Amino acid sequence: MSIRTYLVIAISLCFLTQWPVTQSWIAWDREAIAHGEIWRILTGNLTHTNWPHMLMNCLALIIITFIFRSHFTARGYTALILFLSVVIGVGILATDIQWYAGLSGVLHGLFAWGAVRDIRTQTKGGWLLLAGLVLKIGWEQYYGGSTSSAALIGARVAIEAHLIGAVSGLIAGYTQRHK
């Protein structure tokens, strides 16, 4: 499968999961997870709070995929996204978040992973990308999420998911065998 085909499938899944009937069954919901609906740990990353939120995350997925395309195959990328989704879904359980929807934690993980892969392959700019990500995550942890993003998505920005995703992506990038 090509990366383009992969992106079409991934974005189609996000589109399908955005419909209210579907969303109510797959969004990350602490109470529902506690009552045995454990699939939400993974699927909460596929749905979004509204259409602008979904569009913003899908565009970011395309951009991140384009930037780091030399480091993966569709199969490896799928495994990475599944890993990040599960780690973020489980990690959110350690926070006060009651309900979560969005791909932004995974996007932060993909970006961190890609920056590490750039560094390990001595691709120009890898350290700069990683420094920018660390500064963004640090800013969010100290000052909170962007108010303009919160207004756009109609919810508080889940900076906890960003942090969990970025740390998970760093770990995945550094522990993955270097070719």
N, C-alpha and C. Protein backbone atom coordinates (compact mmCIF):
# COMPACT_ATOMS: atom_id res chain seq x y z
N MET A 1 0.85 -1.18 0.00
CA MET A 1 0.00 0.00 0.00
C MET A 1 0.90 1.24 0.00
N SER A 2 0.54 2.21 -0.79
CA SER A 2 1.31 3.45 -0.83
C SER A 2 0.91 4.34 0.35
N ILE A 3 1.76 5.30 0.65
CA ILE A 3 1.47 6.25 1.72
C ILE A 3 0.23 7.08 1.36
N ARG A 4 0.07 7.43 0.08
CA ARG A 4 -1.11 8.20 -0.34
C ARG A 4 -2.40 7.41 -0.06
N THR A 5 -2.38 6.13 -0.42
CA THR A 5 -3.54 5.28 -0.16
C THR A 5 -3.80 5.20 1.33
N TYR A 6 -2.74 5.04 2.09
CA TYR A 6 -2.85 4.98 3.55
C TYR A 6 -3.53 6.24 4.08
N LEU A 7 -3.08 7.41 3.62
CA LEU A 7 -3.66 8.66 4.09
C LEU A 7 -5.14 8.77 3.72
N VAL A 8 -5.50 8.34 2.53
CA VAL A 8 -6.92 8.37 2.12
C VAL A 8 -7.74 7.50 3.07
N ILE A 9 -7.24 6.33 3.41
CA ILE A 9 -7.95 5.43 4.32
C ILE A 9 -8.05 6.04 5.72
N ALA A 10 -6.93 6.57 6.22
CA ALA A 10 -6.92 7.16 7.57
C ALA A 10 -7.87 8.35 7.67
N ILE A 11 -7.85 9.21 6.67
CA ILE A 11 -8.72 10.39 6.69
C ILE A 11 -10.19 9.97 6.52
N SER A 12 -10.43 8.97 5.71
CA SER A 12 -11.80 8.45 5.55
C SER A 12 -12.32 7.91 6.88
N LEU A 13 -11.46 7.21 7.64
CA LEU A 13 -11.85 6.72 8.96
C LEU A 13 -12.21 7.87 9.89
N CYS A 14 -11.41 8.92 9.88
CA CYS A 14 -11.71 10.09 10.71
C CYS A 14 -13.04 10.71 10.30
N PHE A 15 -13.28 10.77 9.00
CA PHE A 15 -14.54 11.32 8.50
C PHE A 15 -15.73 10.48 8.97
N LEU A 16 -15.62 9.16 8.82
CA LEU A 16 -16.71 8.26 9.21
C LEU A 16 -16.98 8.30 10.72
N THR A 17 -15.92 8.45 11.50
CA THR A 17 -16.09 8.44 12.95
C THR A 17 -16.58 9.78 13.49
N GLN A 18 -16.67 10.77 12.63
CA GLN A 18 -17.12 12.09 13.06
C GLN A 18 -18.64 12.17 13.18
N TRP A 19 -19.35 11.27 12.56
CA TRP A 19 -20.81 11.31 12.63
C TRP A 19 -21.26 11.03 14.06
N PRO A 20 -22.25 11.78 14.57
CA PRO A 20 -22.66 11.67 15.97
C PRO A 20 -22.96 10.25 16.46
N VAL A 21 -23.61 9.44 15.65
CA VAL A 21 -23.95 8.08 16.08
C VAL A 21 -22.66 7.28 16.31
N THR A 22 -21.75 7.39 15.38
CA THR A 22 -20.47 6.67 15.51
C THR A 22 -19.66 7.25 16.66
N GLN A 23 -19.59 8.56 16.72
CA GLN A 23 -18.78 9.22 17.73
C GLN A 23 -19.18 8.81 19.15
N SER A 24 -20.47 8.66 19.38
CA SER A 24 -20.93 8.31 20.73
C SER A 24 -20.45 6.92 21.15
N TRP A 25 -20.07 6.08 20.20
CA TRP A 25 -19.60 4.73 20.50
C TRP A 25 -18.08 4.61 20.59
N ILE A 26 -17.36 5.62 20.11
CA ILE A 26 -15.90 5.43 20.05
C ILE A 26 -15.08 6.50 20.75
N ALA A 27 -15.65 7.63 21.12
CA ALA A 27 -14.87 8.68 21.80
C ALA A 27 -14.30 8.14 23.11
N TRP A 28 -13.15 8.67 23.50
CA TRP A 28 -12.53 8.27 24.77
C TRP A 28 -13.41 8.83 25.89
N ASP A 29 -13.96 7.93 26.69
CA ASP A 29 -14.88 8.31 27.76
C ASP A 29 -14.50 7.49 29.00
N ARG A 30 -14.01 8.18 30.02
CA ARG A 30 -13.51 7.51 31.22
C ARG A 30 -14.54 6.55 31.83
N GLU A 31 -15.75 7.02 31.96
CA GLU A 31 -16.80 6.18 32.58
C GLU A 31 -17.10 4.95 31.73
N ALA A 32 -17.20 5.13 30.43
CA ALA A 32 -17.49 4.00 29.53
C ALA A 32 -16.32 3.00 29.55
N ILE A 33 -15.10 3.49 29.59
CA ILE A 33 -13.93 2.60 29.66
C ILE A 33 -13.97 1.81 30.96
N ALA A 34 -14.30 2.49 32.06
CA ALA A 34 -14.38 1.82 33.36
C ALA A 34 -15.45 0.73 33.37
N HIS A 35 -16.45 0.87 32.50
CA HIS A 35 -17.52 -0.12 32.41
C HIS A 35 -17.26 -1.15 31.31
N GLY A 36 -16.00 -1.26 30.87
CA GLY A 36 -15.61 -2.33 29.96
C GLY A 36 -15.50 -1.98 28.49
N GLU A 37 -15.78 -0.76 28.10
CA GLU A 37 -15.70 -0.38 26.69
C GLU A 37 -14.25 0.03 26.37
N ILE A 38 -13.35 -0.94 26.47
CA ILE A 38 -11.92 -0.64 26.36
C ILE A 38 -11.46 -0.25 24.95
N TRP A 39 -12.26 -0.52 23.93
CA TRP A 39 -11.89 -0.11 22.58
C TRP A 39 -11.73 1.40 22.48
N ARG A 40 -12.40 2.12 23.37
CA ARG A 40 -12.34 3.59 23.36
C ARG A 40 -10.92 4.11 23.63
N ILE A 41 -10.11 3.30 24.29
CA ILE A 41 -8.71 3.67 24.53
C ILE A 41 -8.01 3.93 23.19
N LEU A 42 -8.30 3.10 22.21
CA LEU A 42 -7.72 3.24 20.87
C LEU A 42 -8.54 4.19 20.00
N THR A 43 -9.84 4.01 19.97
CA THR A 43 -10.67 4.73 18.99
C THR A 43 -10.94 6.19 19.32
N GLY A 44 -10.71 6.60 20.55
CA GLY A 44 -10.91 8.00 20.91
C GLY A 44 -10.05 8.95 20.08
N ASN A 45 -8.96 8.43 19.53
CA ASN A 45 -8.07 9.25 18.72
C ASN A 45 -8.63 9.49 17.32
N LEU A 46 -9.61 8.71 16.91
CA LEU A 46 -10.14 8.82 15.54
C LEU A 46 -11.23 9.87 15.40
N THR A 47 -11.95 10.14 16.45
CA THR A 47 -13.06 11.08 16.37
C THR A 47 -12.63 12.45 16.89
N HIS A 48 -13.41 13.46 16.59
CA HIS A 48 -13.04 14.84 16.94
C HIS A 48 -14.25 15.58 17.50
N THR A 49 -13.98 16.72 18.12
CA THR A 49 -15.06 17.47 18.76
C THR A 49 -16.00 18.13 17.75
N ASN A 50 -15.46 18.47 16.58
CA ASN A 50 -16.29 19.07 15.52
C ASN A 50 -15.55 18.95 14.19
N TRP A 51 -16.20 19.40 13.13
CA TRP A 51 -15.61 19.27 11.78
C TRP A 51 -14.33 20.09 11.62
N PRO A 52 -14.26 21.33 12.11
CA PRO A 52 -12.99 22.06 11.99
C PRO A 52 -11.83 21.35 12.72
N HIS A 53 -12.14 20.74 13.86
CA HIS A 53 -11.13 19.98 14.61
C HIS A 53 -10.62 18.82 13.76
N MET A 54 -11.54 18.09 13.14
CA MET A 54 -11.16 16.96 12.30
C MET A 54 -10.33 17.43 11.10
N LEU A 55 -10.76 18.49 10.46
CA LEU A 55 -10.05 19.00 9.29
C LEU A 55 -8.63 19.45 9.67
N MET A 56 -8.51 20.16 10.78
CA MET A 56 -7.21 20.63 11.25
C MET A 56 -6.28 19.43 11.53
N ASN A 57 -6.78 18.42 12.20
CA ASN A 57 -5.96 17.25 12.51
C ASN A 57 -5.60 16.45 11.27
N CYS A 58 -6.52 16.32 10.33
CA CYS A 58 -6.23 15.57 9.09
C CYS A 58 -5.19 16.31 8.24
N LEU A 59 -5.29 17.63 8.18
CA LEU A 59 -4.27 18.40 7.45
C LEU A 59 -2.91 18.25 8.11
N ALA A 60 -2.89 18.27 9.43
CA ALA A 60 -1.62 18.08 10.15
C ALA A 60 -1.06 16.68 9.88
N LEU A 61 -1.92 15.67 9.82
CA LEU A 61 -1.47 14.32 9.51
C LEU A 61 -0.82 14.27 8.13
N ILE A 62 -1.43 14.92 7.15
CA ILE A 62 -0.86 14.97 5.81
C ILE A 62 0.50 15.65 5.82
N ILE A 63 0.60 16.78 6.49
CA ILE A 63 1.85 17.54 6.53
C ILE A 63 2.95 16.74 7.23
N ILE A 64 2.65 16.18 8.39
CA ILE A 64 3.65 15.40 9.13
C ILE A 64 4.08 14.18 8.32
N THR A 65 3.13 13.54 7.68
CA THR A 65 3.45 12.38 6.85
C THR A 65 4.38 12.79 5.71
N PHE A 66 4.09 13.92 5.09
CA PHE A 66 4.93 14.41 4.00
C PHE A 66 6.34 14.73 4.49
N ILE A 67 6.45 15.41 5.62
CA ILE A 67 7.76 15.81 6.14
C ILE A 67 8.65 14.61 6.43
N PHE A 68 8.07 13.56 7.03
CA PHE A 68 8.87 12.43 7.49
C PHE A 68 8.70 11.17 6.63
N ARG A 69 8.19 11.31 5.42
CA ARG A 69 7.86 10.18 4.55
C ARG A 69 9.05 9.27 4.25
N SER A 70 10.24 9.79 4.30
CA SER A 70 11.42 8.96 3.97
C SER A 70 11.75 7.96 5.08
N HIS A 71 11.14 8.09 6.24
CA HIS A 71 11.48 7.24 7.39
C HIS A 71 10.55 6.04 7.59
N PHE A 72 9.52 5.89 6.78
CA PHE A 72 8.58 4.81 7.07
C PHE A 72 7.94 4.22 5.83
N THR A 73 7.31 3.09 6.07
CA THR A 73 6.42 2.46 5.10
C THR A 73 5.01 2.59 5.66
N ALA A 74 4.02 2.31 4.85
CA ALA A 74 2.63 2.39 5.32
C ALA A 74 2.42 1.41 6.48
N ARG A 75 3.00 0.23 6.39
CA ARG A 75 2.84 -0.78 7.45
C ARG A 75 3.48 -0.30 8.77
N GLY A 76 4.69 0.22 8.68
CA GLY A 76 5.37 0.72 9.87
C GLY A 76 4.67 1.93 10.47
N TYR A 77 4.15 2.78 9.60
CA TYR A 77 3.43 3.97 10.05
C TYR A 77 2.15 3.57 10.78
N THR A 78 1.46 2.59 10.23
CA THR A 78 0.25 2.09 10.88
C THR A 78 0.57 1.54 12.27
N ALA A 79 1.63 0.76 12.37
CA ALA A 79 2.03 0.21 13.68
C ALA A 79 2.36 1.33 14.65
N LEU A 80 3.06 2.36 14.18
CA LEU A 80 3.42 3.49 15.04
C LEU A 80 2.17 4.22 15.52
N ILE A 81 1.24 4.47 14.62
CA ILE A 81 0.01 5.18 14.99
C ILE A 81 -0.81 4.36 15.98
N LEU A 82 -0.90 3.05 15.77
CA LEU A 82 -1.62 2.20 16.72
C LEU A 82 -0.94 2.21 18.09
N PHE A 83 0.39 2.10 18.10
CA PHE A 83 1.14 2.15 19.36
C PHE A 83 0.87 3.47 20.09
N LEU A 84 1.02 4.58 19.37
CA LEU A 84 0.82 5.89 20.00
C LEU A 84 -0.61 6.04 20.51
N SER A 85 -1.58 5.58 19.72
CA SER A 85 -2.99 5.69 20.12
C SER A 85 -3.27 4.94 21.42
N VAL A 86 -2.75 3.74 21.53
CA VAL A 86 -2.97 2.95 22.74
C VAL A 86 -2.26 3.58 23.94
N VAL A 87 -1.01 3.99 23.76
CA VAL A 87 -0.27 4.60 24.87
C VAL A 87 -0.96 5.88 25.33
N ILE A 88 -1.41 6.69 24.40
CA ILE A 88 -2.11 7.93 24.76
C ILE A 88 -3.43 7.60 25.45
N GLY A 89 -4.19 6.67 24.90
CA GLY A 89 -5.47 6.29 25.50
C GLY A 89 -5.32 5.78 26.93
N VAL A 90 -4.28 4.97 27.16
CA VAL A 90 -4.01 4.47 28.52
C VAL A 90 -3.46 5.59 29.39
N GLY A 91 -2.55 6.39 28.82
CA GLY A 91 -1.94 7.48 29.58
C GLY A 91 -2.94 8.50 30.08
N ILE A 92 -3.97 8.78 29.30
CA ILE A 92 -4.99 9.75 29.71
C ILE A 92 -5.71 9.28 30.97
N LEU A 93 -5.74 7.97 31.19
CA LEU A 93 -6.36 7.46 32.41
C LEU A 93 -5.67 7.99 33.67
N ALA A 94 -4.40 8.37 33.55
CA ALA A 94 -3.66 8.90 34.70
C ALA A 94 -3.90 10.39 34.91
N THR A 95 -4.75 11.00 34.08
CA THR A 95 -5.05 12.43 34.20
C THR A 95 -6.47 12.61 34.74
N ASP A 96 -6.90 13.86 34.80
CA ASP A 96 -8.27 14.18 35.23
C ASP A 96 -9.25 14.24 34.07
N ILE A 97 -8.79 14.01 32.86
CA ILE A 97 -9.65 14.10 31.68
C ILE A 97 -10.76 13.06 31.77
N GLN A 98 -12.00 13.50 31.52
CA GLN A 98 -13.16 12.60 31.55
C GLN A 98 -13.58 12.16 30.16
N TRP A 99 -13.37 13.03 29.16
CA TRP A 99 -13.77 12.75 27.78
C TRP A 99 -12.73 13.34 26.86
N TYR A 100 -12.35 12.57 25.84
CA TYR A 100 -11.30 13.02 24.92
C TYR A 100 -11.63 12.56 23.51
N ALA A 101 -11.37 13.43 22.56
CA ALA A 101 -11.51 13.08 21.15
C ALA A 101 -10.49 13.90 20.38
N GLY A 102 -9.78 13.25 19.48
CA GLY A 102 -8.84 13.98 18.65
C GLY A 102 -7.57 13.21 18.38
N LEU A 103 -6.91 13.63 17.34
CA LEU A 103 -5.69 12.98 16.87
C LEU A 103 -4.44 13.75 17.30
N SER A 104 -4.60 14.85 18.00
CA SER A 104 -3.46 15.72 18.28
C SER A 104 -2.38 15.06 19.13
N GLY A 105 -2.75 14.21 20.06
CA GLY A 105 -1.72 13.50 20.83
C GLY A 105 -0.89 12.61 19.93
N VAL A 106 -1.56 11.90 19.03
CA VAL A 106 -0.86 11.05 18.07
C VAL A 106 0.01 11.90 17.15
N LEU A 107 -0.51 13.04 16.71
CA LEU A 107 0.27 13.92 15.84
C LEU A 107 1.54 14.40 16.52
N HIS A 108 1.46 14.72 17.80
CA HIS A 108 2.66 15.12 18.54
C HIS A 108 3.64 13.96 18.64
N GLY A 109 3.11 12.75 18.81
CA GLY A 109 3.96 11.57 18.85
C GLY A 109 4.63 11.31 17.51
N LEU A 110 3.89 11.44 16.43
CA LEU A 110 4.47 11.25 15.09
C LEU A 110 5.55 12.28 14.82
N PHE A 111 5.30 13.51 15.22
CA PHE A 111 6.28 14.57 15.00
C PHE A 111 7.55 14.30 15.80
N ALA A 112 7.39 13.90 17.06
CA ALA A 112 8.56 13.59 17.90
C ALA A 112 9.35 12.42 17.31
N TRP A 113 8.63 11.37 16.91
CA TRP A 113 9.27 10.21 16.28
C TRP A 113 10.04 10.63 15.04
N GLY A 114 9.40 11.45 14.19
CA GLY A 114 10.05 11.89 12.96
C GLY A 114 11.28 12.74 13.22
N ALA A 115 11.20 13.63 14.21
CA ALA A 115 12.36 14.46 14.55
C ALA A 115 13.52 13.58 15.03
N VAL A 116 13.22 12.59 15.84
CA VAL A 116 14.27 11.66 16.31
C VAL A 116 14.85 10.88 15.14
N ARG A 117 13.99 10.43 14.22
CA ARG A 117 14.49 9.70 13.04
C ARG A 117 15.38 10.61 12.19
N ASP A 118 15.00 11.88 12.06
CA ASP A 118 15.85 12.84 11.35
C ASP A 118 17.21 12.97 12.03
N ILE A 119 17.20 13.06 13.34
CA ILE A 119 18.45 13.18 14.10
C ILE A 119 19.31 11.94 13.90
N ARG A 120 18.70 10.78 14.02
CA ARG A 120 19.45 9.52 13.91
C ARG A 120 19.98 9.28 12.50
N THR A 121 19.33 9.82 11.50
CA THR A 121 19.81 9.66 10.12
C THR A 121 20.60 10.88 9.67
N GLN A 122 20.85 11.77 10.59
CA GLN A 122 21.62 13.00 10.35
C GLN A 122 20.99 13.85 9.24
N THR A 123 19.67 13.88 9.23
CA THR A 123 18.94 14.73 8.30
C THR A 123 18.97 16.15 8.83
N LYS A 124 19.28 17.06 7.97
CA LYS A 124 19.37 18.47 8.36
C LYS A 124 18.06 18.94 8.99
N GLY A 125 18.14 19.62 10.10
CA GLY A 125 16.97 20.21 10.74
C GLY A 125 16.32 19.37 11.82
N GLY A 126 16.77 18.13 12.01
CA GLY A 126 16.16 17.26 13.01
C GLY A 126 16.20 17.84 14.41
N TRP A 127 17.36 18.35 14.79
CA TRP A 127 17.50 18.94 16.13
C TRP A 127 16.62 20.18 16.29
N LEU A 128 16.51 20.96 15.23
CA LEU A 128 15.67 22.16 15.28
C LEU A 128 14.19 21.79 15.44
N LEU A 129 13.75 20.76 14.71
CA LEU A 129 12.37 20.29 14.85
C LEU A 129 12.09 19.79 16.27
N LEU A 130 13.04 19.03 16.81
CA LEU A 130 12.87 18.51 18.17
C LEU A 130 12.85 19.65 19.19
N ALA A 131 13.73 20.62 19.02
CA ALA A 131 13.76 21.77 19.95
C ALA A 131 12.44 22.53 19.89
N GLY A 132 11.90 22.73 18.68
CA GLY A 132 10.62 23.42 18.54
C GLY A 132 9.50 22.67 19.24
N LEU A 133 9.51 21.35 19.11
CA LEU A 133 8.48 20.54 19.76
C LEU A 133 8.61 20.62 21.29
N VAL A 134 9.82 20.53 21.78
CA VAL A 134 10.05 20.61 23.23
C VAL A 134 9.59 21.96 23.76
N LEU A 135 9.90 23.03 23.04
CA LEU A 135 9.45 24.36 23.47
C LEU A 135 7.93 24.48 23.46
N LYS A 136 7.28 23.92 22.43
CA LYS A 136 5.82 23.97 22.36
C LYS A 136 5.18 23.21 23.52
N ILE A 137 5.68 22.00 23.76
CA ILE A 137 5.13 21.18 24.85
C ILE A 137 5.39 21.87 26.20
N GLY A 138 6.59 22.39 26.39
CA GLY A 138 6.90 23.12 27.62
C GLY A 138 6.00 24.31 27.83
N TRP A 139 5.78 25.07 26.77
CA TRP A 139 4.89 26.25 26.83
C TRP A 139 3.49 25.82 27.26
N GLU A 140 2.97 24.78 26.61
CA GLU A 140 1.63 24.31 26.94
C GLU A 140 1.53 23.83 28.38
N GLN A 141 2.54 23.14 28.85
CA GLN A 141 2.50 22.61 30.22
C GLN A 141 2.55 23.74 31.24
N TYR A 142 3.24 24.82 30.90
CA TYR A 142 3.37 25.95 31.82
C TYR A 142 2.19 26.93 31.71
N TYR A 143 1.82 27.28 30.46
CA TYR A 143 0.81 28.31 30.25
C TYR A 143 -0.58 27.77 29.87
N GLY A 144 -0.66 26.50 29.51
CA GLY A 144 -1.94 25.94 29.08
C GLY A 144 -2.05 25.94 27.57
N GLY A 145 -3.13 25.35 27.10
CA GLY A 145 -3.35 25.24 25.67
C GLY A 145 -3.76 26.56 25.04
N SER A 146 -3.67 26.61 23.74
CA SER A 146 -4.02 27.79 22.96
C SER A 146 -5.51 28.10 23.09
N THR A 147 -5.83 29.35 23.42
CA THR A 147 -7.24 29.74 23.54
C THR A 147 -7.90 29.79 22.16
N SER A 148 -7.15 30.15 21.13
CA SER A 148 -7.75 30.19 19.79
C SER A 148 -8.05 28.77 19.30
N SER A 149 -7.19 27.81 19.61
CA SER A 149 -7.46 26.41 19.25
C SER A 149 -8.66 25.90 20.02
N ALA A 150 -8.74 26.24 21.29
CA ALA A 150 -9.88 25.81 22.12
C ALA A 150 -11.19 26.35 21.55
N ALA A 151 -11.17 27.61 21.11
CA ALA A 151 -12.37 28.21 20.51
C ALA A 151 -12.74 27.49 19.21
N LEU A 152 -11.75 27.16 18.41
CA LEU A 152 -11.99 26.49 17.13
C LEU A 152 -12.57 25.09 17.32
N ILE A 153 -12.02 24.34 18.28
CA ILE A 153 -12.47 22.96 18.45
C ILE A 153 -13.64 22.83 19.43
N GLY A 154 -13.97 23.90 20.11
CA GLY A 154 -15.11 23.88 21.02
C GLY A 154 -14.85 23.07 22.27
N ALA A 155 -13.59 22.98 22.69
CA ALA A 155 -13.23 22.21 23.88
C ALA A 155 -11.87 22.68 24.38
N ARG A 156 -11.56 22.31 25.60
CA ARG A 156 -10.23 22.58 26.14
C ARG A 156 -9.20 21.76 25.36
N VAL A 157 -8.06 22.36 25.06
CA VAL A 157 -6.99 21.64 24.38
C VAL A 157 -6.40 20.63 25.37
N ALA A 158 -6.32 19.38 24.96
CA ALA A 158 -5.84 18.30 25.83
C ALA A 158 -4.31 18.25 25.80
N ILE A 159 -3.71 19.19 26.53
CA ILE A 159 -2.25 19.28 26.54
C ILE A 159 -1.61 18.02 27.15
N GLU A 160 -2.37 17.31 27.96
CA GLU A 160 -1.87 16.06 28.53
C GLU A 160 -1.62 15.04 27.41
N ALA A 161 -2.54 14.98 26.46
CA ALA A 161 -2.39 14.05 25.32
C ALA A 161 -1.20 14.45 24.46
N HIS A 162 -0.97 15.76 24.32
CA HIS A 162 0.19 16.23 23.55
C HIS A 162 1.48 15.77 24.22
N LEU A 163 1.55 15.93 25.53
CA LEU A 163 2.75 15.52 26.27
C LEU A 163 2.96 14.01 26.20
N ILE A 164 1.91 13.25 26.45
CA ILE A 164 2.02 11.78 26.40
C ILE A 164 2.43 11.33 25.00
N GLY A 165 1.82 11.92 23.99
CA GLY A 165 2.16 11.57 22.61
C GLY A 165 3.60 11.90 22.27
N ALA A 166 4.05 13.09 22.65
CA ALA A 166 5.43 13.50 22.34
C ALA A 166 6.44 12.60 23.04
N VAL A 167 6.23 12.32 24.31
CA VAL A 167 7.16 11.45 25.04
C VAL A 167 7.15 10.04 24.44
N SER A 168 5.97 9.54 24.11
CA SER A 168 5.87 8.20 23.49
C SER A 168 6.57 8.17 22.14
N GLY A 169 6.41 9.21 21.35
CA GLY A 169 7.08 9.31 20.06
C GLY A 169 8.59 9.37 20.19
N LEU A 170 9.07 10.10 21.20
CA LEU A 170 10.52 10.16 21.47
C LEU A 170 11.06 8.78 21.81
N ILE A 171 10.37 8.10 22.69
CA ILE A 171 10.80 6.76 23.11
C ILE A 171 10.79 5.81 21.91
N ALA A 172 9.71 5.85 21.13
CA ALA A 172 9.63 4.98 19.95
C ALA A 172 10.74 5.29 18.96
N GLY A 173 11.02 6.56 18.77
CA GLY A 173 12.08 6.95 17.84
C GLY A 173 13.46 6.52 18.27
N TYR A 174 13.73 6.62 19.57
CA TYR A 174 15.05 6.25 20.08
C TYR A 174 15.23 4.75 20.27
N THR A 175 14.14 4.02 20.48
CA THR A 175 14.27 2.58 20.71
C THR A 175 14.15 1.75 19.42
N GLN A 176 13.60 2.35 18.39
CA GLN A 176 13.48 1.64 17.11
C GLN A 176 14.87 1.45 16.51
N ARG A 177 15.09 0.26 15.99
CA ARG A 177 16.38 -0.02 15.36
C ARG A 177 16.68 0.97 14.25
N HIS A 178 17.89 1.43 14.22
CA HIS A 178 18.33 2.35 13.18
C HIS A 178 18.82 1.55 11.99
N LYS A 179 18.33 1.88 10.80
CA LYS A 179 18.72 1.14 9.59
C LYS A 179 20.06 1.65 9.07
